[in-house]
Amino acid sequence: MRISSALLPLLATSQTCLAFILSPASQQSLRPTQSQKFNLGHGISSSSLSVSAASTEVGAPGTADLPWSELGFEFRPTKSHLKMIYRDGKWEEAELVESPYINIHIGATALHYGQSCFEGLKAFAHDDGSVYMFRPDENAKRINKSGARVIMPEIPVATFIQACNDVVKDNIAYVPPYGSGGALYLRPLLFGSGPRIG
């Protein structure tokens, strides 16, 4: 499998942060069948998160200047990552950030106690120019299960899916074109960013 990745942080802080990582990834495309799709409301479906109108509203998949036939399993920069902070008992508004760096406190619980977990999912371009993610609701459930084990706040499934949708739309040019065998790899990362020692 050949994958290249780029950082997509979605941060959560109250003593916790959430982050996402994006990467154009080369792998066989998976397109869900009609029977696998079910709607979560607001036009978001759980097995196929459609970013249709990709060629008009937000750009077109595969338009970034990348060697699509030569992608490997490696980090590659994209346009942005998405950051969210958990503060005062709730998730704040998501923010798309173009810098690939995250400023973190030296006393962060992720650094001292390993308070972090991650997920991974892919966005695939299809022959009609739309982009789909395979079952992002399941990734949301898994990151919440992992987060509970390390005492971190739950991310509402709809919030998780919207964050994935937003970051893919902002990085649509980095979704490998249909027929390339590639995918844009997202790496949601939840980590403790607040200071706490002892």
N, C-alpha and C. Protein backbone atom coordinates (compact mmCIF):
# COMPACT_ATOMS: atom_id res chain seq x y z
N MET A 1 0.85 -1.17 0.00
CA MET A 1 0.00 0.00 0.00
C MET A 1 0.89 1.23 0.00
N ARG A 2 0.57 2.20 -0.85
CA ARG A 2 1.32 3.46 -0.91
C ARG A 2 0.41 4.58 -0.44
N ILE A 3 0.86 5.32 0.56
CA ILE A 3 0.07 6.43 1.10
C ILE A 3 1.00 7.59 1.37
N SER A 4 0.55 8.78 1.11
CA SER A 4 1.30 9.96 1.54
C SER A 4 0.36 10.77 2.41
N SER A 5 0.88 11.38 3.44
CA SER A 5 -0.03 12.06 4.36
C SER A 5 0.35 13.50 4.62
N ALA A 6 -0.66 14.23 5.08
CA ALA A 6 -0.49 15.61 5.48
C ALA A 6 -1.29 15.85 6.74
N LEU A 7 -0.85 16.75 7.56
CA LEU A 7 -1.48 16.99 8.86
C LEU A 7 -2.83 17.65 8.74
N LEU A 8 -3.81 17.15 9.47
CA LEU A 8 -5.16 17.69 9.53
C LEU A 8 -5.61 17.69 10.98
N PRO A 9 -5.13 18.60 11.84
CA PRO A 9 -5.52 18.57 13.22
C PRO A 9 -6.89 19.16 13.51
N LEU A 10 -7.59 18.44 14.32
CA LEU A 10 -8.87 18.87 14.89
C LEU A 10 -8.62 18.78 16.39
N LEU A 11 -8.38 19.88 17.04
CA LEU A 11 -7.88 19.88 18.42
C LEU A 11 -8.98 20.03 19.47
N ALA A 12 -8.80 19.39 20.58
CA ALA A 12 -9.74 19.47 21.69
C ALA A 12 -9.00 19.80 22.96
N THR A 13 -9.36 20.88 23.63
CA THR A 13 -8.63 21.22 24.84
C THR A 13 -9.54 21.54 26.00
N SER A 14 -9.26 20.95 27.07
CA SER A 14 -9.79 21.23 28.39
C SER A 14 -8.82 20.50 29.28
N GLN A 15 -8.03 19.83 28.86
CA GLN A 15 -6.91 18.98 29.14
C GLN A 15 -6.91 17.99 27.98
N THR A 16 -7.51 18.36 26.86
CA THR A 16 -7.64 17.44 25.74
C THR A 16 -7.62 18.17 24.41
N CYS A 17 -7.06 17.54 23.38
CA CYS A 17 -7.06 18.10 22.03
C CYS A 17 -7.43 17.03 21.02
N LEU A 18 -7.93 17.48 19.89
CA LEU A 18 -8.31 16.56 18.82
C LEU A 18 -7.66 17.03 17.54
N ALA A 19 -7.11 16.13 16.76
CA ALA A 19 -6.45 16.52 15.52
C ALA A 19 -6.72 15.52 14.41
N PHE A 20 -6.61 15.98 13.18
CA PHE A 20 -6.79 15.13 12.01
C PHE A 20 -5.56 15.21 11.13
N ILE A 21 -5.24 14.13 10.45
CA ILE A 21 -4.15 14.14 9.49
C ILE A 21 -4.67 13.71 8.13
N LEU A 22 -4.34 14.45 7.11
CA LEU A 22 -4.74 14.18 5.74
C LEU A 22 -3.57 13.67 4.95
N SER A 23 -3.81 12.79 4.02
CA SER A 23 -2.75 12.43 3.12
C SER A 23 -3.29 11.82 1.85
N PRO A 24 -2.80 12.29 0.70
CA PRO A 24 -3.17 11.62 -0.53
C PRO A 24 -2.60 10.21 -0.45
N ALA A 25 -3.45 9.21 -0.54
CA ALA A 25 -3.01 7.84 -0.35
C ALA A 25 -3.33 7.01 -1.58
N SER A 26 -2.39 6.21 -1.95
CA SER A 26 -2.62 5.34 -3.09
C SER A 26 -3.09 3.99 -2.59
N GLN A 27 -4.30 3.63 -2.92
CA GLN A 27 -4.85 2.33 -2.56
C GLN A 27 -6.10 2.11 -3.38
N GLN A 28 -6.50 0.86 -3.50
CA GLN A 28 -7.69 0.54 -4.28
C GLN A 28 -8.90 1.29 -3.75
N SER A 29 -9.66 1.89 -4.62
CA SER A 29 -10.84 2.66 -4.25
C SER A 29 -11.99 1.76 -3.84
N LEU A 30 -12.68 2.14 -2.76
CA LEU A 30 -13.85 1.41 -2.30
C LEU A 30 -15.06 2.30 -2.47
N ARG A 31 -16.03 1.90 -3.25
CA ARG A 31 -17.25 2.69 -3.42
C ARG A 31 -18.39 1.91 -2.81
N PRO A 32 -19.07 2.47 -1.79
CA PRO A 32 -20.16 1.74 -1.16
C PRO A 32 -21.32 1.53 -2.12
N THR A 33 -22.01 0.42 -1.95
CA THR A 33 -23.18 0.16 -2.76
C THR A 33 -24.35 0.96 -2.23
N GLN A 34 -25.41 1.09 -3.03
CA GLN A 34 -26.61 1.81 -2.60
C GLN A 34 -27.12 1.26 -1.28
N SER A 35 -27.08 -0.06 -1.09
CA SER A 35 -27.62 -0.66 0.13
C SER A 35 -26.79 -0.34 1.36
N GLN A 36 -25.54 0.08 1.18
CA GLN A 36 -24.69 0.41 2.32
C GLN A 36 -24.87 1.84 2.78
N LYS A 37 -25.54 2.67 2.00
CA LYS A 37 -25.68 4.08 2.34
C LYS A 37 -26.91 4.31 3.20
N PHE A 38 -26.76 5.08 4.27
CA PHE A 38 -27.92 5.50 5.04
C PHE A 38 -27.68 6.91 5.54
N ASN A 39 -28.71 7.74 5.51
CA ASN A 39 -28.59 9.16 5.76
C ASN A 39 -28.61 9.48 7.25
N LEU A 40 -27.71 10.37 7.66
CA LEU A 40 -27.68 10.84 9.05
C LEU A 40 -28.38 12.19 9.18
N GLY A 41 -28.91 12.71 8.10
CA GLY A 41 -29.54 14.02 8.12
C GLY A 41 -28.62 15.08 7.58
N HIS A 42 -29.15 16.19 7.20
CA HIS A 42 -28.41 17.33 6.67
C HIS A 42 -27.57 16.94 5.46
N GLY A 43 -28.02 15.95 4.69
CA GLY A 43 -27.31 15.56 3.48
C GLY A 43 -26.03 14.79 3.73
N ILE A 44 -25.78 14.37 4.95
CA ILE A 44 -24.57 13.62 5.26
C ILE A 44 -24.96 12.16 5.41
N SER A 45 -24.33 11.29 4.66
CA SER A 45 -24.62 9.88 4.83
C SER A 45 -23.41 9.22 5.46
N SER A 46 -23.66 8.21 6.28
CA SER A 46 -22.59 7.66 7.09
C SER A 46 -21.62 6.81 6.32
N SER A 47 -22.05 6.09 5.32
CA SER A 47 -21.10 5.24 4.62
C SER A 47 -20.48 5.94 3.43
N SER A 48 -21.10 6.98 2.97
CA SER A 48 -20.51 7.73 1.86
C SER A 48 -20.76 9.20 2.10
N LEU A 49 -19.73 9.89 2.55
CA LEU A 49 -19.85 11.31 2.79
C LEU A 49 -19.57 12.00 1.47
N SER A 50 -20.61 12.45 0.83
CA SER A 50 -20.47 12.97 -0.52
C SER A 50 -20.04 14.42 -0.51
N VAL A 51 -19.01 14.72 -1.24
CA VAL A 51 -18.60 16.08 -1.49
C VAL A 51 -18.85 16.28 -2.97
N SER A 52 -20.12 16.15 -3.36
CA SER A 52 -20.42 16.34 -4.77
C SER A 52 -20.36 17.82 -5.06
N ALA A 53 -20.59 18.19 -6.26
CA ALA A 53 -20.39 19.56 -6.73
C ALA A 53 -18.93 19.92 -6.55
N ALA A 54 -18.08 18.90 -6.42
CA ALA A 54 -16.66 19.12 -6.18
C ALA A 54 -16.03 19.91 -7.31
N SER A 55 -16.50 19.71 -8.51
CA SER A 55 -15.88 20.40 -9.63
C SER A 55 -16.41 21.82 -9.81
N THR A 56 -17.41 22.21 -9.03
CA THR A 56 -17.94 23.56 -9.19
C THR A 56 -17.74 24.41 -7.95
N GLU A 57 -18.33 24.04 -6.82
CA GLU A 57 -18.27 24.87 -5.62
C GLU A 57 -16.91 24.90 -4.94
N VAL A 58 -16.29 23.74 -4.76
CA VAL A 58 -15.09 23.68 -3.94
C VAL A 58 -13.84 23.29 -4.72
N GLY A 59 -13.95 23.11 -5.99
CA GLY A 59 -12.81 22.68 -6.80
C GLY A 59 -13.01 21.26 -7.26
N ALA A 60 -11.97 20.68 -7.78
CA ALA A 60 -12.06 19.32 -8.31
C ALA A 60 -10.99 18.43 -7.70
N PRO A 61 -11.33 17.16 -7.48
CA PRO A 61 -10.33 16.22 -6.97
C PRO A 61 -9.16 16.07 -7.94
N GLY A 62 -7.98 15.87 -7.39
CA GLY A 62 -6.82 15.58 -8.21
C GLY A 62 -6.21 16.74 -8.96
N THR A 63 -6.50 17.97 -8.53
CA THR A 63 -5.95 19.12 -9.24
C THR A 63 -4.69 19.69 -8.61
N ALA A 64 -4.28 19.16 -7.45
CA ALA A 64 -3.02 19.60 -6.84
C ALA A 64 -1.86 19.10 -7.70
N ASP A 65 -0.75 19.82 -7.66
CA ASP A 65 0.42 19.45 -8.46
C ASP A 65 1.20 18.35 -7.72
N LEU A 66 0.74 17.11 -7.87
CA LEU A 66 1.37 15.96 -7.23
C LEU A 66 1.59 14.86 -8.25
N PRO A 67 2.61 14.05 -8.06
CA PRO A 67 2.83 12.91 -8.96
C PRO A 67 1.90 11.76 -8.57
N TRP A 68 0.64 11.80 -9.00
CA TRP A 68 -0.38 10.87 -8.54
C TRP A 68 0.01 9.41 -8.74
N SER A 69 0.76 9.09 -9.77
CA SER A 69 1.12 7.69 -10.03
C SER A 69 2.29 7.24 -9.17
N GLU A 70 2.91 8.17 -8.43
CA GLU A 70 4.10 7.82 -7.65
C GLU A 70 3.91 8.00 -6.14
N LEU A 71 2.67 8.13 -5.68
CA LEU A 71 2.46 8.34 -4.24
C LEU A 71 2.94 7.12 -3.45
N GLY A 72 3.55 7.39 -2.32
CA GLY A 72 4.01 6.32 -1.44
C GLY A 72 3.39 6.47 -0.07
N PHE A 73 3.74 5.58 0.83
CA PHE A 73 3.25 5.65 2.20
C PHE A 73 4.14 6.64 2.94
N GLU A 74 3.76 7.91 2.88
CA GLU A 74 4.60 8.98 3.42
C GLU A 74 3.74 10.21 3.69
N PHE A 75 4.30 11.13 4.45
CA PHE A 75 3.62 12.40 4.72
C PHE A 75 3.80 13.32 3.53
N ARG A 76 2.71 13.94 3.09
CA ARG A 76 2.77 14.99 2.07
C ARG A 76 1.91 16.15 2.55
N PRO A 77 2.39 17.37 2.44
CA PRO A 77 1.59 18.52 2.87
C PRO A 77 0.34 18.68 2.00
N THR A 78 -0.72 19.18 2.62
CA THR A 78 -1.93 19.55 1.91
C THR A 78 -2.20 21.02 2.22
N LYS A 79 -3.34 21.53 1.83
CA LYS A 79 -3.66 22.95 2.04
C LYS A 79 -3.86 23.28 3.51
N SER A 80 -4.60 22.42 4.24
CA SER A 80 -4.97 22.78 5.61
C SER A 80 -5.24 21.56 6.47
N HIS A 81 -5.36 21.82 7.76
CA HIS A 81 -5.90 20.85 8.69
C HIS A 81 -7.03 21.53 9.46
N LEU A 82 -7.82 20.75 10.13
CA LEU A 82 -8.95 21.30 10.88
C LEU A 82 -8.68 21.14 12.37
N LYS A 83 -8.94 22.20 13.12
CA LYS A 83 -8.64 22.22 14.55
C LYS A 83 -9.91 22.54 15.32
N MET A 84 -10.16 21.75 16.37
CA MET A 84 -11.27 22.02 17.29
C MET A 84 -10.74 21.91 18.71
N ILE A 85 -11.23 22.76 19.58
CA ILE A 85 -10.80 22.73 20.98
C ILE A 85 -11.99 22.45 21.87
N TYR A 86 -11.78 21.57 22.83
CA TYR A 86 -12.79 21.27 23.83
C TYR A 86 -12.49 22.13 25.04
N ARG A 87 -13.42 23.03 25.39
CA ARG A 87 -13.18 23.96 26.49
C ARG A 87 -14.51 24.23 27.20
N ASP A 88 -14.46 24.32 28.51
CA ASP A 88 -15.64 24.63 29.32
C ASP A 88 -16.79 23.66 29.03
N GLY A 89 -16.45 22.38 28.87
CA GLY A 89 -17.48 21.35 28.72
C GLY A 89 -18.10 21.21 27.35
N LYS A 90 -17.50 21.87 26.33
CA LYS A 90 -18.07 21.70 24.98
C LYS A 90 -17.00 21.91 23.91
N TRP A 91 -17.29 21.38 22.73
CA TRP A 91 -16.41 21.57 21.58
C TRP A 91 -16.67 22.94 20.97
N GLU A 92 -15.59 23.69 20.75
CA GLU A 92 -15.70 24.99 20.12
C GLU A 92 -15.84 24.83 18.60
N GLU A 93 -16.08 25.93 17.91
CA GLU A 93 -16.21 25.90 16.46
C GLU A 93 -14.91 25.40 15.82
N ALA A 94 -15.06 24.64 14.75
CA ALA A 94 -13.90 24.14 14.01
C ALA A 94 -13.23 25.29 13.27
N GLU A 95 -11.92 25.16 13.11
CA GLU A 95 -11.14 26.17 12.41
C GLU A 95 -10.20 25.48 11.42
N LEU A 96 -10.23 25.90 10.16
CA LEU A 96 -9.29 25.38 9.17
C LEU A 96 -7.99 26.17 9.30
N VAL A 97 -6.87 25.46 9.43
CA VAL A 97 -5.58 26.09 9.69
C VAL A 97 -4.60 25.65 8.59
N GLU A 98 -3.89 26.61 8.02
CA GLU A 98 -2.95 26.27 6.95
C GLU A 98 -1.56 25.93 7.44
N SER A 99 -1.17 26.39 8.62
CA SER A 99 0.15 26.04 9.15
C SER A 99 0.15 24.56 9.58
N PRO A 100 1.21 23.83 9.28
CA PRO A 100 1.26 22.42 9.67
C PRO A 100 1.71 22.20 11.12
N TYR A 101 1.86 23.27 11.87
CA TYR A 101 2.35 23.15 13.24
C TYR A 101 1.25 23.35 14.27
N ILE A 102 1.39 22.65 15.41
CA ILE A 102 0.48 22.78 16.53
C ILE A 102 1.28 23.28 17.72
N ASN A 103 0.84 24.37 18.33
CA ASN A 103 1.48 24.90 19.53
C ASN A 103 0.89 24.16 20.72
N ILE A 104 1.73 23.52 21.52
CA ILE A 104 1.24 22.72 22.65
C ILE A 104 2.01 23.06 23.92
N HIS A 105 1.31 23.07 25.04
CA HIS A 105 1.92 23.38 26.34
C HIS A 105 2.90 22.28 26.74
N ILE A 106 4.00 22.66 27.35
CA ILE A 106 5.02 21.69 27.78
C ILE A 106 4.48 20.70 28.81
N GLY A 107 3.42 21.11 29.53
CA GLY A 107 2.82 20.23 30.53
C GLY A 107 1.64 19.43 29.99
N ALA A 108 1.47 19.38 28.70
CA ALA A 108 0.32 18.69 28.10
C ALA A 108 0.28 17.22 28.51
N THR A 109 -0.92 16.75 28.80
CA THR A 109 -1.08 15.36 29.24
C THR A 109 -0.73 14.36 28.14
N ALA A 110 -0.82 14.75 26.89
CA ALA A 110 -0.40 13.86 25.81
C ALA A 110 1.10 13.59 25.89
N LEU A 111 1.87 14.61 26.27
CA LEU A 111 3.33 14.46 26.35
C LEU A 111 3.76 13.69 27.59
N HIS A 112 3.10 13.92 28.72
CA HIS A 112 3.54 13.32 29.98
C HIS A 112 2.89 11.98 30.30
N TYR A 113 1.68 11.78 29.82
CA TYR A 113 0.96 10.56 30.16
C TYR A 113 0.47 9.78 28.95
N GLY A 114 0.80 10.25 27.77
CA GLY A 114 0.38 9.55 26.56
C GLY A 114 -1.13 9.60 26.32
N GLN A 115 -1.77 10.66 26.79
CA GLN A 115 -3.23 10.77 26.64
C GLN A 115 -3.55 11.19 25.21
N SER A 116 -3.71 10.18 24.36
CA SER A 116 -4.04 10.44 22.96
C SER A 116 -4.57 9.17 22.30
N CYS A 117 -5.28 9.36 21.22
CA CYS A 117 -5.75 8.25 20.40
C CYS A 117 -6.01 8.79 19.00
N PHE A 118 -6.11 7.89 18.02
CA PHE A 118 -6.31 8.34 16.65
C PHE A 118 -7.18 7.35 15.89
N GLU A 119 -7.63 7.82 14.76
CA GLU A 119 -8.39 7.01 13.80
C GLU A 119 -7.79 7.23 12.43
N GLY A 120 -8.29 6.55 11.44
CA GLY A 120 -7.83 6.74 10.07
C GLY A 120 -8.96 6.40 9.11
N LEU A 121 -9.19 7.26 8.14
CA LEU A 121 -10.20 7.00 7.12
C LEU A 121 -9.77 7.65 5.82
N LYS A 122 -10.42 7.25 4.73
CA LYS A 122 -10.01 7.71 3.42
C LYS A 122 -11.16 8.35 2.66
N ALA A 123 -10.80 9.33 1.84
CA ALA A 123 -11.76 9.98 0.94
C ALA A 123 -11.36 9.59 -0.48
N PHE A 124 -12.34 9.09 -1.25
CA PHE A 124 -12.11 8.60 -2.60
C PHE A 124 -12.87 9.44 -3.62
N ALA A 125 -12.23 9.74 -4.75
CA ALA A 125 -12.91 10.41 -5.86
C ALA A 125 -13.61 9.35 -6.71
N HIS A 126 -14.74 9.73 -7.28
CA HIS A 126 -15.48 8.82 -8.16
C HIS A 126 -15.61 9.41 -9.55
N ASP A 127 -16.04 8.59 -10.49
CA ASP A 127 -16.04 9.00 -11.90
C ASP A 127 -16.93 10.20 -12.19
N ASP A 128 -17.89 10.50 -11.33
CA ASP A 128 -18.76 11.67 -11.55
C ASP A 128 -18.21 12.94 -10.90
N GLY A 129 -17.00 12.89 -10.32
CA GLY A 129 -16.39 14.05 -9.69
C GLY A 129 -16.72 14.19 -8.22
N SER A 130 -17.58 13.31 -7.69
CA SER A 130 -17.92 13.36 -6.27
C SER A 130 -16.83 12.67 -5.46
N VAL A 131 -16.83 12.94 -4.16
CA VAL A 131 -15.86 12.36 -3.24
C VAL A 131 -16.63 11.72 -2.10
N TYR A 132 -16.25 10.51 -1.73
CA TYR A 132 -16.92 9.78 -0.66
C TYR A 132 -15.92 9.33 0.40
N MET A 133 -16.42 9.23 1.64
CA MET A 133 -15.67 8.60 2.72
C MET A 133 -16.45 7.36 3.12
N PHE A 134 -15.73 6.33 3.46
CA PHE A 134 -16.37 5.08 3.82
C PHE A 134 -16.64 5.02 5.32
N ARG A 135 -17.89 5.01 5.71
CA ARG A 135 -18.38 4.85 7.07
C ARG A 135 -17.68 5.72 8.13
N PRO A 136 -17.67 7.05 7.98
CA PRO A 136 -17.02 7.90 8.98
C PRO A 136 -17.71 7.83 10.34
N ASP A 137 -18.98 7.44 10.37
CA ASP A 137 -19.67 7.29 11.65
C ASP A 137 -19.02 6.21 12.50
N GLU A 138 -18.52 5.16 11.87
CA GLU A 138 -17.84 4.09 12.60
C GLU A 138 -16.51 4.58 13.16
N ASN A 139 -15.81 5.43 12.43
CA ASN A 139 -14.56 6.01 12.93
C ASN A 139 -14.84 6.90 14.14
N ALA A 140 -15.95 7.65 14.08
CA ALA A 140 -16.33 8.50 15.22
C ALA A 140 -16.59 7.65 16.45
N LYS A 141 -17.30 6.55 16.29
CA LYS A 141 -17.59 5.66 17.43
C LYS A 141 -16.31 5.08 18.01
N ARG A 142 -15.39 4.69 17.13
CA ARG A 142 -14.14 4.08 17.62
C ARG A 142 -13.27 5.10 18.35
N ILE A 143 -13.17 6.34 17.82
CA ILE A 143 -12.31 7.32 18.51
C ILE A 143 -12.93 7.69 19.86
N ASN A 144 -14.26 7.69 19.94
CA ASN A 144 -14.91 7.97 21.22
C ASN A 144 -14.68 6.83 22.21
N LYS A 145 -14.70 5.61 21.74
CA LYS A 145 -14.43 4.46 22.62
C LYS A 145 -12.99 4.52 23.13
N SER A 146 -12.06 4.83 22.24
CA SER A 146 -10.66 4.96 22.65
C SER A 146 -10.47 6.14 23.59
N GLY A 147 -11.12 7.27 23.29
CA GLY A 147 -11.01 8.46 24.13
C GLY A 147 -11.53 8.22 25.53
N ALA A 148 -12.62 7.46 25.65
CA ALA A 148 -13.18 7.16 26.98
C ALA A 148 -12.18 6.40 27.83
N ARG A 149 -11.39 5.55 27.20
CA ARG A 149 -10.39 4.75 27.94
C ARG A 149 -9.27 5.61 28.51
N VAL A 150 -8.99 6.74 27.88
CA VAL A 150 -7.94 7.62 28.37
C VAL A 150 -8.51 8.93 28.91
N ILE A 151 -9.77 8.88 29.29
CA ILE A 151 -10.47 9.98 29.96
C ILE A 151 -10.46 11.28 29.15
N MET A 152 -11.01 11.21 27.94
CA MET A 152 -11.14 12.39 27.09
C MET A 152 -12.59 12.56 26.68
N PRO A 153 -13.01 13.77 26.35
CA PRO A 153 -14.42 14.04 26.04
C PRO A 153 -14.87 13.39 24.74
N GLU A 154 -16.14 13.06 24.70
CA GLU A 154 -16.73 12.47 23.50
C GLU A 154 -16.92 13.53 22.42
N ILE A 155 -16.71 13.12 21.19
CA ILE A 155 -16.96 13.98 20.04
C ILE A 155 -18.29 13.53 19.45
N PRO A 156 -19.31 14.39 19.39
CA PRO A 156 -20.57 13.96 18.78
C PRO A 156 -20.32 13.45 17.36
N VAL A 157 -20.98 12.35 17.01
CA VAL A 157 -20.78 11.74 15.69
C VAL A 157 -21.01 12.76 14.58
N ALA A 158 -22.08 13.54 14.67
CA ALA A 158 -22.37 14.53 13.63
C ALA A 158 -21.25 15.58 13.53
N THR A 159 -20.66 15.96 14.67
CA THR A 159 -19.55 16.92 14.68
C THR A 159 -18.33 16.33 14.00
N PHE A 160 -18.04 15.07 14.32
CA PHE A 160 -16.91 14.36 13.72
C PHE A 160 -17.06 14.30 12.20
N ILE A 161 -18.24 13.89 11.74
CA ILE A 161 -18.50 13.76 10.31
C ILE A 161 -18.42 15.12 9.62
N GLN A 162 -18.98 16.15 10.23
CA GLN A 162 -18.90 17.48 9.63
C GLN A 162 -17.46 17.96 9.54
N ALA A 163 -16.66 17.68 10.56
CA ALA A 163 -15.24 18.06 10.53
C ALA A 163 -14.53 17.37 9.37
N CYS A 164 -14.80 16.08 9.19
CA CYS A 164 -14.21 15.34 8.06
C CYS A 164 -14.63 15.96 6.74
N ASN A 165 -15.92 16.23 6.62
CA ASN A 165 -16.45 16.82 5.39
C ASN A 165 -15.79 18.18 5.11
N ASP A 166 -15.68 19.03 6.13
CA ASP A 166 -15.11 20.36 5.96
C ASP A 166 -13.65 20.31 5.51
N VAL A 167 -12.88 19.43 6.14
CA VAL A 167 -11.45 19.38 5.80
C VAL A 167 -11.23 18.77 4.42
N VAL A 168 -12.06 17.82 4.03
CA VAL A 168 -11.93 17.26 2.68
C VAL A 168 -12.30 18.32 1.64
N LYS A 169 -13.36 19.07 1.89
CA LYS A 169 -13.75 20.13 0.95
C LYS A 169 -12.61 21.15 0.80
N ASP A 170 -11.98 21.51 1.90
CA ASP A 170 -10.91 22.50 1.83
C ASP A 170 -9.66 21.95 1.14
N ASN A 171 -9.52 20.64 1.13
CA ASN A 171 -8.36 19.98 0.54
C ASN A 171 -8.74 19.13 -0.67
N ILE A 172 -9.83 19.49 -1.33
CA ILE A 172 -10.37 18.68 -2.42
C ILE A 172 -9.34 18.44 -3.52
N ALA A 173 -8.46 19.39 -3.77
CA ALA A 173 -7.45 19.24 -4.82
C ALA A 173 -6.48 18.09 -4.52
N TYR A 174 -6.38 17.71 -3.24
CA TYR A 174 -5.45 16.65 -2.82
C TYR A 174 -6.09 15.27 -2.79
N VAL A 175 -7.37 15.19 -3.11
CA VAL A 175 -8.00 13.87 -3.25
C VAL A 175 -7.53 13.34 -4.60
N PRO A 176 -6.83 12.21 -4.62
CA PRO A 176 -6.34 11.69 -5.90
C PRO A 176 -7.46 11.50 -6.91
N PRO A 177 -7.18 11.76 -8.17
CA PRO A 177 -8.22 11.68 -9.19
C PRO A 177 -8.76 10.27 -9.36
N TYR A 178 -10.00 10.19 -9.82
CA TYR A 178 -10.62 8.91 -10.11
C TYR A 178 -9.76 8.14 -11.12
N GLY A 179 -9.59 6.86 -10.87
CA GLY A 179 -8.79 6.02 -11.76
C GLY A 179 -7.34 5.92 -11.36
N SER A 180 -6.90 6.75 -10.39
CA SER A 180 -5.49 6.70 -9.96
C SER A 180 -5.24 5.58 -8.96
N GLY A 181 -6.32 5.06 -8.38
CA GLY A 181 -6.16 4.04 -7.35
C GLY A 181 -5.79 4.63 -6.00
N GLY A 182 -5.86 5.96 -5.87
CA GLY A 182 -5.46 6.61 -4.63
C GLY A 182 -6.62 7.13 -3.82
N ALA A 183 -6.32 7.58 -2.62
CA ALA A 183 -7.31 8.16 -1.71
C ALA A 183 -6.63 9.22 -0.86
N LEU A 184 -7.42 10.14 -0.34
CA LEU A 184 -6.91 11.12 0.62
C LEU A 184 -7.11 10.51 2.00
N TYR A 185 -6.03 10.33 2.74
CA TYR A 185 -6.09 9.69 4.04
C TYR A 185 -6.25 10.75 5.12
N LEU A 186 -7.26 10.59 5.97
CA LEU A 186 -7.49 11.48 7.11
C LEU A 186 -7.07 10.77 8.37
N ARG A 187 -6.41 11.49 9.27
CA ARG A 187 -5.97 10.90 10.53
C ARG A 187 -6.52 11.74 11.68
N PRO A 188 -7.76 11.47 12.13
CA PRO A 188 -8.27 12.17 13.31
C PRO A 188 -7.42 11.79 14.53
N LEU A 189 -7.00 12.77 15.26
CA LEU A 189 -6.12 12.58 16.42
C LEU A 189 -6.70 13.34 17.61
N LEU A 190 -6.98 12.64 18.67
CA LEU A 190 -7.51 13.24 19.89
C LEU A 190 -6.40 13.18 20.92
N PHE A 191 -6.03 14.34 21.50
CA PHE A 191 -4.94 14.30 22.47
C PHE A 191 -5.12 15.36 23.55
N GLY A 192 -4.55 15.06 24.71
CA GLY A 192 -4.60 15.98 25.85
C GLY A 192 -3.59 17.09 25.64
N SER A 193 -4.09 18.32 25.48
CA SER A 193 -3.19 19.45 25.22
C SER A 193 -3.03 20.39 26.42
N GLY A 194 -3.89 20.24 27.40
CA GLY A 194 -3.81 21.10 28.57
C GLY A 194 -2.76 20.63 29.56
N PRO A 195 -2.21 21.55 30.38
CA PRO A 195 -1.16 21.18 31.33
C PRO A 195 -1.72 20.50 32.57
N ARG A 196 -1.13 19.41 32.94
CA ARG A 196 -1.49 18.71 34.19
C ARG A 196 -0.36 17.76 34.53
N ILE A 197 0.22 17.97 35.67
CA ILE A 197 1.30 17.12 36.16
C ILE A 197 0.90 16.62 37.54
N GLY A 198 1.10 15.34 37.78
CA GLY A 198 0.80 14.79 39.10
C GLY A 198 -0.52 14.09 39.18
